[in-house]
Amino acid sequence: MYLVVIAWFYVALMMAVAEATHADGTLLGALATFVLYGAVPIAIVAYLMATPMRRKARRAREAAEQAAAHAAGETPPSDPPDRGGESAADAVAPVRKET
C-alpha cells in the first residue's frame, strides 16, 4: 500500500519541480500541480486502500467488547424485532368493502 503512495508522491513532486523550474512556470502553478495531482489523489487512494484495515480493526474492537461483556456476566442486548428482515404478520389490518 505504501509503495503506491510513495511512488505517486514522488511523481507529483517531480511534476511540481518541473513546473517551478520551467521558464514559463510559476511557484503558484507548481503548488497547484502538487496539490491537484499529488496531495488530493494520494489522500483519496490512501483512504480507500486503508478501508479493509479499518473494517478489520472495527470488527476486532466489537468482538473484544462482546467478550468483555460476556466475561462480566452481562447479557448482550437482544436484536431488534425486525433484524430478520421479515415483516410482522398482519401488521396492517386488511380493509374490506362492505356489501
PDB file of N, CA and C in Angstrom:
ATOM      1  N   MET A   1       0.829  -1.184   0.000  1.00  0.00           N
ATOM      2  CA  MET A   1       0.000   0.000   0.000  1.00  0.00           C
ATOM      3  C   MET A   1       0.875   1.250   0.000  1.00  0.00           C
ATOM      4  N   TYR A   2       1.890   1.257   0.836  1.00  0.00           N
ATOM      5  CA  TYR A   2       2.707   2.453   0.967  1.00  0.00           C
ATOM      6  C   TYR A   2       3.567   2.702  -0.267  1.00  0.00           C
ATOM      7  N   LEU A   3       3.906   1.637  -0.991  1.00  0.00           N
ATOM      8  CA  LEU A   3       4.724   1.798  -2.183  1.00  0.00           C
ATOM      9  C   LEU A   3       3.992   2.625  -3.238  1.00  0.00           C
ATOM     10  N   VAL A   4       2.714   2.378  -3.409  1.00  0.00           N
ATOM     11  CA  VAL A   4       1.918   3.142  -4.371  1.00  0.00           C
ATOM     12  C   VAL A   4       1.851   4.611  -3.954  1.00  0.00           C
ATOM     13  N   VAL A   5       1.615   4.857  -2.690  1.00  0.00           N
ATOM     14  CA  VAL A   5       1.512   6.229  -2.189  1.00  0.00           C
ATOM     15  C   VAL A   5       2.843   6.965  -2.335  1.00  0.00           C
ATOM     16  N   ILE A   6       3.941   6.306  -2.003  1.00  0.00           N
ATOM     17  CA  ILE A   6       5.254   6.937  -2.104  1.00  0.00           C
ATOM     18  C   ILE A   6       5.602   7.222  -3.562  1.00  0.00           C
ATOM     19  N   ALA A   7       5.340   6.279  -4.451  1.00  0.00           N
ATOM     20  CA  ALA A   7       5.642   6.485  -5.870  1.00  0.00           C
ATOM     21  C   ALA A   7       4.804   7.622  -6.450  1.00  0.00           C
ATOM     22  N   TRP A   8       3.536   7.660  -6.102  1.00  0.00           N
ATOM     23  CA  TRP A   8       2.670   8.730  -6.601  1.00  0.00           C
ATOM     24  C   TRP A   8       3.127  10.088  -6.060  1.00  0.00           C
ATOM     25  N   PHE A   9       3.511  10.115  -4.812  1.00  0.00           N
ATOM     26  CA  PHE A   9       4.019  11.341  -4.206  1.00  0.00           C
ATOM     27  C   PHE A   9       5.287  11.810  -4.928  1.00  0.00           C
ATOM     28  N   TYR A  10       6.168  10.882  -5.248  1.00  0.00           N
ATOM     29  CA  TYR A  10       7.410  11.221  -5.943  1.00  0.00           C
ATOM     30  C   TYR A  10       7.125  11.803  -7.332  1.00  0.00           C
ATOM     31  N   VAL A  11       6.237  11.177  -8.080  1.00  0.00           N
ATOM     32  CA  VAL A  11       5.902  11.665  -9.414  1.00  0.00           C
ATOM     33  C   VAL A  11       5.264  13.050  -9.332  1.00  0.00           C
ATOM     34  N   ALA A  12       4.357  13.248  -8.401  1.00  0.00           N
ATOM     35  CA  ALA A  12       3.720  14.552  -8.255  1.00  0.00           C
ATOM     36  C   ALA A  12       4.743  15.611  -7.849  1.00  0.00           C
ATOM     37  N   LEU A  13       5.682  15.250  -6.999  1.00  0.00           N
ATOM     38  CA  LEU A  13       6.727  16.183  -6.596  1.00  0.00           C
ATOM     39  C   LEU A  13       7.617  16.560  -7.785  1.00  0.00           C
ATOM     40  N   MET A  14       7.977  15.584  -8.602  1.00  0.00           N
ATOM     41  CA  MET A  14       8.798  15.869  -9.778  1.00  0.00           C
ATOM     42  C   MET A  14       8.043  16.734 -10.790  1.00  0.00           C
ATOM     43  N   MET A  15       6.741  16.525 -10.927  1.00  0.00           N
ATOM     44  CA  MET A  15       5.932  17.379 -11.799  1.00  0.00           C
ATOM     45  C   MET A  15       5.924  18.808 -11.280  1.00  0.00           C
ATOM     46  N   ALA A  16       5.814  18.982  -9.980  1.00  0.00           N
ATOM     47  CA  ALA A  16       5.815  20.322  -9.388  1.00  0.00           C
ATOM     48  C   ALA A  16       7.171  20.990  -9.553  1.00  0.00           C
ATOM     49  N   VAL A  17       8.242  20.238  -9.390  1.00  0.00           N
ATOM     50  CA  VAL A  17       9.581  20.798  -9.583  1.00  0.00           C
ATOM     51  C   VAL A  17       9.772  21.215 -11.036  1.00  0.00           C
ATOM     52  N   ALA A  18       9.308  20.383 -11.962  1.00  0.00           N
ATOM     53  CA  ALA A  18       9.419  20.734 -13.379  1.00  0.00           C
ATOM     54  C   ALA A  18       8.615  21.985 -13.693  1.00  0.00           C
ATOM     55  N   GLU A  19       7.452  22.115 -13.099  1.00  0.00           N
ATOM     56  CA  GLU A  19       6.628  23.316 -13.299  1.00  0.00           C
ATOM     57  C   GLU A  19       7.318  24.552 -12.730  1.00  0.00           C
ATOM     58  N   ALA A  20       7.909  24.422 -11.577  1.00  0.00           N
ATOM     59  CA  ALA A  20       8.543  25.572 -10.927  1.00  0.00           C
ATOM     60  C   ALA A  20       9.813  26.008 -11.646  1.00  0.00           C
ATOM     61  N   THR A  21      10.577  25.070 -12.198  1.00  0.00           N
ATOM     62  CA  THR A  21      11.852  25.414 -12.822  1.00  0.00           C
ATOM     63  C   THR A  21      11.736  25.714 -14.307  1.00  0.00           C
ATOM     64  N   HIS A  22      10.591  25.506 -14.902  1.00  0.00           N
ATOM     65  CA  HIS A  22      10.408  25.812 -16.324  1.00  0.00           C
ATOM     66  C   HIS A  22      10.431  27.325 -16.525  1.00  0.00           C
ATOM     67  N   ALA A  23      10.839  27.750 -17.710  1.00  0.00           N
ATOM     68  CA  ALA A  23      10.944  29.192 -17.986  1.00  0.00           C
ATOM     69  C   ALA A  23       9.593  29.897 -17.863  1.00  0.00           C
ATOM     70  N   ASP A  24       8.527  29.232 -18.266  1.00  0.00           N
ATOM     71  CA  ASP A  24       7.187  29.828 -18.173  1.00  0.00           C
ATOM     72  C   ASP A  24       6.445  29.410 -16.906  1.00  0.00           C
ATOM     73  N   GLY A  25       7.049  28.597 -16.063  1.00  0.00           N
ATOM     74  CA  GLY A  25       6.387  28.087 -14.881  1.00  0.00           C
ATOM     75  C   GLY A  25       6.428  29.069 -13.715  1.00  0.00           C
ATOM     76  N   THR A  26       5.528  28.867 -12.775  1.00  0.00           N
ATOM     77  CA  THR A  26       5.474  29.700 -11.576  1.00  0.00           C
ATOM     78  C   THR A  26       5.413  28.808 -10.348  1.00  0.00           C
ATOM     79  N   LEU A  27       5.700  29.390  -9.209  1.00  0.00           N
ATOM     80  CA  LEU A  27       5.580  28.638  -7.960  1.00  0.00           C
ATOM     81  C   LEU A  27       4.123  28.333  -7.637  1.00  0.00           C
ATOM     82  N   LEU A  28       3.240  29.257  -7.996  1.00  0.00           N
ATOM     83  CA  LEU A  28       1.816  29.001  -7.774  1.00  0.00           C
ATOM     84  C   LEU A  28       1.339  27.829  -8.619  1.00  0.00           C
ATOM     85  N   GLY A  29       1.816  27.779  -9.860  1.00  0.00           N
ATOM     86  CA  GLY A  29       1.478  26.643 -10.726  1.00  0.00           C
ATOM     87  C   GLY A  29       2.040  25.344 -10.184  1.00  0.00           C
ATOM     88  N   ALA A  30       3.253  25.402  -9.641  1.00  0.00           N
ATOM     89  CA  ALA A  30       3.858  24.210  -9.051  1.00  0.00           C
ATOM     90  C   ALA A  30       3.067  23.746  -7.836  1.00  0.00           C
ATOM     91  N   LEU A  31       2.635  24.698  -7.020  1.00  0.00           N
ATOM     92  CA  LEU A  31       1.834  24.348  -5.849  1.00  0.00           C
ATOM     93  C   LEU A  31       0.496  23.731  -6.259  1.00  0.00           C
ATOM     94  N   ALA A  32      -0.137  24.334  -7.254  1.00  0.00           N
ATOM     95  CA  ALA A  32      -1.410  23.790  -7.740  1.00  0.00           C
ATOM     96  C   ALA A  32      -1.216  22.400  -8.343  1.00  0.00           C
ATOM     97  N   THR A  33      -0.131  22.221  -9.081  1.00  0.00           N
ATOM     98  CA  THR A  33       0.167  20.907  -9.654  1.00  0.00           C
ATOM     99  C   THR A  33       0.351  19.876  -8.555  1.00  0.00           C
ATOM    100  N   PHE A  34       1.114  20.216  -7.537  1.00  0.00           N
ATOM    101  CA  PHE A  34       1.361  19.253  -6.461  1.00  0.00           C
ATOM    102  C   PHE A  34       0.082  18.919  -5.703  1.00  0.00           C
ATOM    103  N   VAL A  35      -0.722  19.929  -5.417  1.00  0.00           N
ATOM    104  CA  VAL A  35      -1.948  19.681  -4.647  1.00  0.00           C
ATOM    105  C   VAL A  35      -2.966  18.898  -5.472  1.00  0.00           C
ATOM    106  N   LEU A  36      -3.177  19.326  -6.716  1.00  0.00           N
ATOM    107  CA  LEU A  36      -4.241  18.712  -7.519  1.00  0.00           C
ATOM    108  C   LEU A  36      -3.834  17.359  -8.119  1.00  0.00           C
ATOM    109  N   TYR A  37      -2.563  17.182  -8.451  1.00  0.00           N
ATOM    110  CA  TYR A  37      -2.115  15.903  -8.998  1.00  0.00           C
ATOM    111  C   TYR A  37      -1.491  15.002  -7.949  1.00  0.00           C
ATOM    112  N   GLY A  38      -1.183  15.550  -6.788  1.00  0.00           N
ATOM    113  CA  GLY A  38      -0.496  14.766  -5.780  1.00  0.00           C
ATOM    114  C   GLY A  38      -1.242  14.586  -4.492  1.00  0.00           C
ATOM    115  N   ALA A  39      -1.398  15.654  -3.737  1.00  0.00           N
ATOM    116  CA  ALA A  39      -1.907  15.535  -2.366  1.00  0.00           C
ATOM    117  C   ALA A  39      -3.345  15.031  -2.307  1.00  0.00           C
ATOM    118  N   VAL A  40      -4.220  15.598  -3.115  1.00  0.00           N
ATOM    119  CA  VAL A  40      -5.632  15.187  -3.067  1.00  0.00           C
ATOM    120  C   VAL A  40      -5.806  13.739  -3.532  1.00  0.00           C
ATOM    121  N   PRO A  41      -5.272  13.353  -4.700  1.00  0.00           N
ATOM    122  CA  PRO A  41      -5.417  11.941  -5.092  1.00  0.00           C
ATOM    123  C   PRO A  41      -4.732  10.967  -4.139  1.00  0.00           C
ATOM    124  N   ILE A  42      -3.584  11.359  -3.590  1.00  0.00           N
ATOM    125  CA  ILE A  42      -2.901  10.475  -2.635  1.00  0.00           C
ATOM    126  C   ILE A  42      -3.779  10.260  -1.399  1.00  0.00           C
ATOM    127  N   ALA A  43      -4.407  11.322  -0.920  1.00  0.00           N
ATOM    128  CA  ALA A  43      -5.279  11.197   0.252  1.00  0.00           C
ATOM    129  C   ALA A  43      -6.464  10.281  -0.040  1.00  0.00           C
ATOM    130  N   ILE A  44      -7.052  10.420  -1.216  1.00  0.00           N
ATOM    131  CA  ILE A  44      -8.201   9.573  -1.570  1.00  0.00           C
ATOM    132  C   ILE A  44      -7.781   8.113  -1.700  1.00  0.00           C
ATOM    133  N   VAL A  45      -6.691   7.865  -2.409  1.00  0.00           N
ATOM    134  CA  VAL A  45      -6.226   6.484  -2.604  1.00  0.00           C
ATOM    135  C   VAL A  45      -5.823   5.856  -1.272  1.00  0.00           C
ATOM    136  N   ALA A  46      -5.126   6.600  -0.430  1.00  0.00           N
ATOM    137  CA  ALA A  46      -4.725   6.058   0.873  1.00  0.00           C
ATOM    138  C   ALA A  46      -5.948   5.727   1.730  1.00  0.00           C
ATOM    139  N   TYR A  47      -6.956   6.587   1.678  1.00  0.00           N
ATOM    140  CA  TYR A  47      -8.183   6.321   2.443  1.00  0.00           C
ATOM    141  C   TYR A  47      -8.868   5.052   1.937  1.00  0.00           C
ATOM    142  N   LEU A  48      -8.969   4.922   0.617  1.00  0.00           N
ATOM    143  CA  LEU A  48      -9.633   3.746   0.060  1.00  0.00           C
ATOM    144  C   LEU A  48      -8.840   2.467   0.300  1.00  0.00           C
ATOM    145  N   MET A  49      -7.531   2.565   0.220  1.00  0.00           N
ATOM    146  CA  MET A  49      -6.716   1.373   0.429  1.00  0.00           C
ATOM    147  C   MET A  49      -6.688   0.946   1.895  1.00  0.00           C
ATOM    148  N   ALA A  50      -6.954   1.845   2.806  1.00  0.00           N
ATOM    149  CA  ALA A  50      -6.947   1.519   4.234  1.00  0.00           C
ATOM    150  C   ALA A  50      -8.308   1.028   4.729  1.00  0.00           C
ATOM    151  N   THR A  51      -9.317   1.012   3.863  1.00  0.00           N
ATOM    152  CA  THR A  51     -10.659   0.603   4.273  1.00  0.00           C
ATOM    153  C   THR A  51     -10.686  -0.814   4.865  1.00  0.00           C
ATOM    154  N   PRO A  52     -10.071  -1.812   4.238  1.00  0.00           N
ATOM    155  CA  PRO A  52     -10.107  -3.150   4.853  1.00  0.00           C
ATOM    156  C   PRO A  52      -9.456  -3.199   6.236  1.00  0.00           C
ATOM    157  N   MET A  53      -8.399  -2.434   6.441  1.00  0.00           N
ATOM    158  CA  MET A  53      -7.745  -2.423   7.759  1.00  0.00           C
ATOM    159  C   MET A  53      -8.650  -1.781   8.806  1.00  0.00           C
ATOM    160  N   ARG A  54      -9.347  -0.703   8.416  1.00  0.00           N
ATOM    161  CA  ARG A  54     -10.259  -0.065   9.370  1.00  0.00           C
ATOM    162  C   ARG A  54     -11.418  -0.996   9.710  1.00  0.00           C
ATOM    163  N   ARG A  55     -11.935  -1.705   8.705  1.00  0.00           N
ATOM    164  CA  ARG A  55     -13.037  -2.646   8.937  1.00  0.00           C
ATOM    165  C   ARG A  55     -12.594  -3.770   9.868  1.00  0.00           C
ATOM    166  N   LYS A  56     -11.383  -4.286   9.649  1.00  0.00           N
ATOM    167  CA  LYS A  56     -10.857  -5.361  10.490  1.00  0.00           C
ATOM    168  C   LYS A  56     -10.671  -4.887  11.927  1.00  0.00           C
ATOM    169  N   ALA A  57     -10.174  -3.673  12.097  1.00  0.00           N
ATOM    170  CA  ALA A  57      -9.984  -3.121  13.438  1.00  0.00           C
ATOM    171  C   ALA A  57     -11.319  -2.912  14.140  1.00  0.00           C
ATOM    172  N   ARG A  58     -12.334  -2.453  13.382  1.00  0.00           N
ATOM    173  CA  ARG A  58     -13.656  -2.251  13.979  1.00  0.00           C
ATOM    174  C   ARG A  58     -14.248  -3.580  14.441  1.00  0.00           C
ATOM    175  N   ARG A  59     -14.124  -4.623  13.600  1.00  0.00           N
ATOM    176  CA  ARG A  59     -14.653  -5.938  13.985  1.00  0.00           C
ATOM    177  C   ARG A  59     -13.927  -6.493  15.201  1.00  0.00           C
ATOM    178  N   ALA A  60     -12.619  -6.306  15.268  1.00  0.00           N
ATOM    179  CA  ALA A  60     -11.857  -6.786  16.423  1.00  0.00           C
ATOM    180  C   ALA A  60     -12.270  -6.042  17.686  1.00  0.00           C
ATOM    181  N   ARG A  61     -12.492  -4.732  17.566  1.00  0.00           N
ATOM    182  CA  ARG A  61     -12.927  -3.941  18.727  1.00  0.00           C
ATOM    183  C   ARG A  61     -14.301  -4.398  19.194  1.00  0.00           C
ATOM    184  N   GLU A  62     -15.230  -4.648  18.247  1.00  0.00           N
ATOM    185  CA  GLU A  62     -16.568  -5.113  18.636  1.00  0.00           C
ATOM    186  C   GLU A  62     -16.505  -6.489  19.282  1.00  0.00           C
ATOM    187  N   ALA A  63     -15.655  -7.372  18.771  1.00  0.00           N
ATOM    188  CA  ALA A  63     -15.513  -8.702  19.363  1.00  0.00           C
ATOM    189  C   ALA A  63     -14.935  -8.603  20.772  1.00  0.00           C
ATOM    190  N   ALA A  64     -13.982  -7.699  20.982  1.00  0.00           N
ATOM    191  CA  ALA A  64     -13.407  -7.520  22.313  1.00  0.00           C
ATOM    192  C   ALA A  64     -14.448  -6.971  23.282  1.00  0.00           C
ATOM    193  N   GLU A  65     -15.285  -6.050  22.814  1.00  0.00           N
ATOM    194  CA  GLU A  65     -16.349  -5.514  23.671  1.00  0.00           C
ATOM    195  C   GLU A  65     -17.348  -6.601  24.039  1.00  0.00           C
ATOM    196  N   GLN A  66     -17.698  -7.451  23.073  1.00  0.00           N
ATOM    197  CA  GLN A  66     -18.637  -8.543  23.364  1.00  0.00           C
ATOM    198  C   GLN A  66     -18.019  -9.541  24.338  1.00  0.00           C
ATOM    199  N   ALA A  67     -16.728  -9.831  24.153  1.00  0.00           N
ATOM    200  CA  ALA A  67     -16.063 -10.771  25.062  1.00  0.00           C
ATOM    201  C   ALA A  67     -15.981 -10.189  26.466  1.00  0.00           C
ATOM    202  N   ALA A  68     -15.720  -8.893  26.564  1.00  0.00           N
ATOM    203  CA  ALA A  68     -15.664  -8.264  27.882  1.00  0.00           C
ATOM    204  C   ALA A  68     -17.033  -8.266  28.549  1.00  0.00           C
ATOM    205  N   ALA A  69     -18.075  -8.025  27.772  1.00  0.00           N
ATOM    206  CA  ALA A  69     -19.430  -8.049  28.328  1.00  0.00           C
ATOM    207  C   ALA A  69     -19.811  -9.465  28.758  1.00  0.00           C
ATOM    208  N   HIS A  70     -19.402 -10.449  27.966  1.00  0.00           N
ATOM    209  CA  HIS A  70     -19.711 -11.835  28.313  1.00  0.00           C
ATOM    210  C   HIS A  70     -18.932 -12.257  29.562  1.00  0.00           C
ATOM    211  N   ALA A  71     -17.680 -11.822  29.683  1.00  0.00           N
ATOM    212  CA  ALA A  71     -16.866 -12.170  30.854  1.00  0.00           C
ATOM    213  C   ALA A  71     -17.399 -11.498  32.111  1.00  0.00           C
ATOM    214  N   ALA A  72     -18.004 -10.331  31.960  1.00  0.00           N
ATOM    215  CA  ALA A  72     -18.550  -9.623  33.117  1.00  0.00           C
ATOM    216  C   ALA A  72     -19.906 -10.177  33.531  1.00  0.00           C
ATOM    217  N   GLY A  73     -20.434 -11.106  32.749  1.00  0.00           N
ATOM    218  CA  GLY A  73     -21.706 -11.715  33.095  1.00  0.00           C
ATOM    219  C   GLY A  73     -22.913 -10.939  32.599  1.00  0.00           C
ATOM    220  N   GLU A  74     -22.672  -9.922  31.829  1.00  0.00           N
ATOM    221  CA  GLU A  74     -23.784  -9.148  31.286  1.00  0.00           C
ATOM    222  C   GLU A  74     -24.390  -9.913  30.114  1.00  0.00           C
ATOM    223  N   THR A  75     -25.672  -9.786  29.970  1.00  0.00           N
ATOM    224  CA  THR A  75     -26.317 -10.406  28.818  1.00  0.00           C
ATOM    225  C   THR A  75     -26.255  -9.422  27.657  1.00  0.00           C
ATOM    226  N   PRO A  76     -25.922  -9.895  26.486  1.00  0.00           N
ATOM    227  CA  PRO A  76     -25.859  -8.985  25.344  1.00  0.00           C
ATOM    228  C   PRO A  76     -27.257  -8.477  25.012  1.00  0.00           C
ATOM    229  N   PRO A  77     -27.354  -7.267  24.517  1.00  0.00           N
ATOM    230  CA  PRO A  77     -28.676  -6.749  24.164  1.00  0.00           C
ATOM    231  C   PRO A  77     -29.291  -7.572  23.037  1.00  0.00           C
ATOM    232  N   SER A  78     -30.598  -7.737  23.117  1.00  0.00           N
ATOM    233  CA  SER A  78     -31.265  -8.526  22.090  1.00  0.00           C
ATOM    234  C   SER A  78     -31.356  -7.722  20.804  1.00  0.00           C
ATOM    235  N   ASP A  79     -31.469  -8.442  19.715  1.00  0.00           N
ATOM    236  CA  ASP A  79     -31.596  -7.790  18.419  1.00  0.00           C
ATOM    237  C   ASP A  79     -32.980  -7.174  18.293  1.00  0.00           C
ATOM    238  N   PRO A  80     -33.107  -6.116  17.516  1.00  0.00           N
ATOM    239  CA  PRO A  80     -34.432  -5.543  17.292  1.00  0.00           C
ATOM    240  C   PRO A  80     -35.343  -6.557  16.590  1.00  0.00           C
ATOM    241  N   PRO A  81     -36.637  -6.420  16.729  1.00  0.00           N
ATOM    242  CA  PRO A  81     -37.542  -7.424  16.171  1.00  0.00           C
ATOM    243  C   PRO A  81     -37.451  -7.556  14.655  1.00  0.00           C
ATOM    244  N   ASP A  82     -37.083  -6.518  13.957  1.00  0.00           N
ATOM    245  CA  ASP A  82     -37.036  -6.603  12.507  1.00  0.00           C
ATOM    246  C   ASP A  82     -35.668  -7.019  11.991  1.00  0.00           C
ATOM    247  N   ARG A  83     -34.839  -7.546  12.841  1.00  0.00           N
ATOM    248  CA  ARG A  83     -33.475  -7.898  12.458  1.00  0.00           C
ATOM    249  C   ARG A  83     -33.456  -9.024  11.424  1.00  0.00           C
ATOM    250  N   GLY A  84     -34.466  -9.862  11.424  1.00  0.00           N
ATOM    251  CA  GLY A  84     -34.505 -10.983  10.492  1.00  0.00           C
ATOM    252  C   GLY A  84     -34.889 -10.589   9.086  1.00  0.00           C
ATOM    253  N   GLY A  85     -35.344  -9.390   8.889  1.00  0.00           N
ATOM    254  CA  GLY A  85     -35.703  -8.933   7.555  1.00  0.00           C
ATOM    255  C   GLY A  85     -37.098  -9.347   7.124  1.00  0.00           C
ATOM    256  N   GLU A  86     -37.857  -9.938   8.016  1.00  0.00           N
ATOM    257  CA  GLU A  86     -39.214 -10.346   7.672  1.00  0.00           C
ATOM    258  C   GLU A  86     -40.191  -9.364   8.306  1.00  0.00           C
ATOM    259  N   SER A  87     -41.253  -9.111   7.591  1.00  0.00           N
ATOM    260  CA  SER A  87     -42.254  -8.197   8.131  1.00  0.00           C
ATOM    261  C   SER A  87     -43.114  -8.923   9.164  1.00  0.00           C
ATOM    262  N   ALA A  88     -43.687  -8.148  10.053  1.00  0.00           N
ATOM    263  CA  ALA A  88     -44.551  -8.721  11.078  1.00  0.00           C
ATOM    264  C   ALA A  88     -45.842  -9.215  10.430  1.00  0.00           C
ATOM    265  N   ALA A  89     -46.358 -10.298  10.951  1.00  0.00           N
ATOM    266  CA  ALA A  89     -47.585 -10.856  10.392  1.00  0.00           C
ATOM    267  C   ALA A  89     -48.758  -9.946  10.718  1.00  0.00           C
ATOM    268  N   ASP A  90     -49.558  -9.630   9.740  1.00  0.00           N
ATOM    269  CA  ASP A  90     -50.746  -8.794   9.894  1.00  0.00           C
ATOM    270  C   ASP A  90     -50.426  -7.473  10.591  1.00  0.00           C
ATOM    271  N   ALA A  91     -49.425  -6.803  10.121  1.00  0.00           N
ATOM    272  CA  ALA A  91     -49.076  -5.525  10.721  1.00  0.00           C
ATOM    273  C   ALA A  91     -50.153  -4.492  10.466  1.00  0.00           C
ATOM    274  N   VAL A  92     -50.806  -4.577   9.317  1.00  0.00           N
ATOM    275  CA  VAL A  92     -51.885  -3.666   8.970  1.00  0.00           C
ATOM    276  C   VAL A  92     -53.108  -4.520   8.675  1.00  0.00           C
ATOM    277  N   ALA A  93     -54.194  -4.185   9.327  1.00  0.00           N
ATOM    278  CA  ALA A  93     -55.415  -4.958   9.126  1.00  0.00           C
ATOM    279  C   ALA A  93     -55.927  -4.732   7.695  1.00  0.00           C
ATOM    280  N   PRO A  94     -56.400  -5.789   7.053  1.00  0.00           N
ATOM    281  CA  PRO A  94     -56.922  -5.626   5.700  1.00  0.00           C
ATOM    282  C   PRO A  94     -58.207  -4.801   5.711  1.00  0.00           C
ATOM    283  N   VAL A  95     -58.415  -4.026   4.668  1.00  0.00           N
ATOM    284  CA  VAL A  95     -59.602  -3.219   4.528  1.00  0.00           C
ATOM    285  C   VAL A  95     -60.509  -3.904   3.519  1.00  0.00           C
ATOM    286  N   ARG A  96     -61.793  -4.105   3.911  1.00  0.00           N
ATOM    287  CA  ARG A  96     -62.701  -4.796   3.007  1.00  0.00           C
ATOM    288  C   ARG A  96     -63.899  -3.909   2.713  1.00  0.00           C
ATOM    289  N   LYS A  97     -64.445  -4.121   1.550  1.00  0.00           N
ATOM    290  CA  LYS A  97     -65.660  -3.396   1.182  1.00  0.00           C
ATOM    291  C   LYS A  97     -66.851  -4.045   1.869  1.00  0.00           C
ATOM    292  N   GLU A  98     -67.744  -3.189   2.265  1.00  0.00           N
ATOM    293  CA  GLU A  98     -68.978  -3.741   2.812  1.00  0.00           C
ATOM    294  C   GLU A  98     -69.936  -3.921   1.662  1.00  0.00           C
ATOM    295  N   THR A  99     -70.659  -5.033   1.650  1.00  0.00           N
ATOM    296  CA  THR A  99     -71.612  -5.287   0.565  1.00  0.00           C
ATOM    297  C   THR A  99     -73.020  -5.128   0.993  1.00  0.00           C
TER     298      THR A  99
END
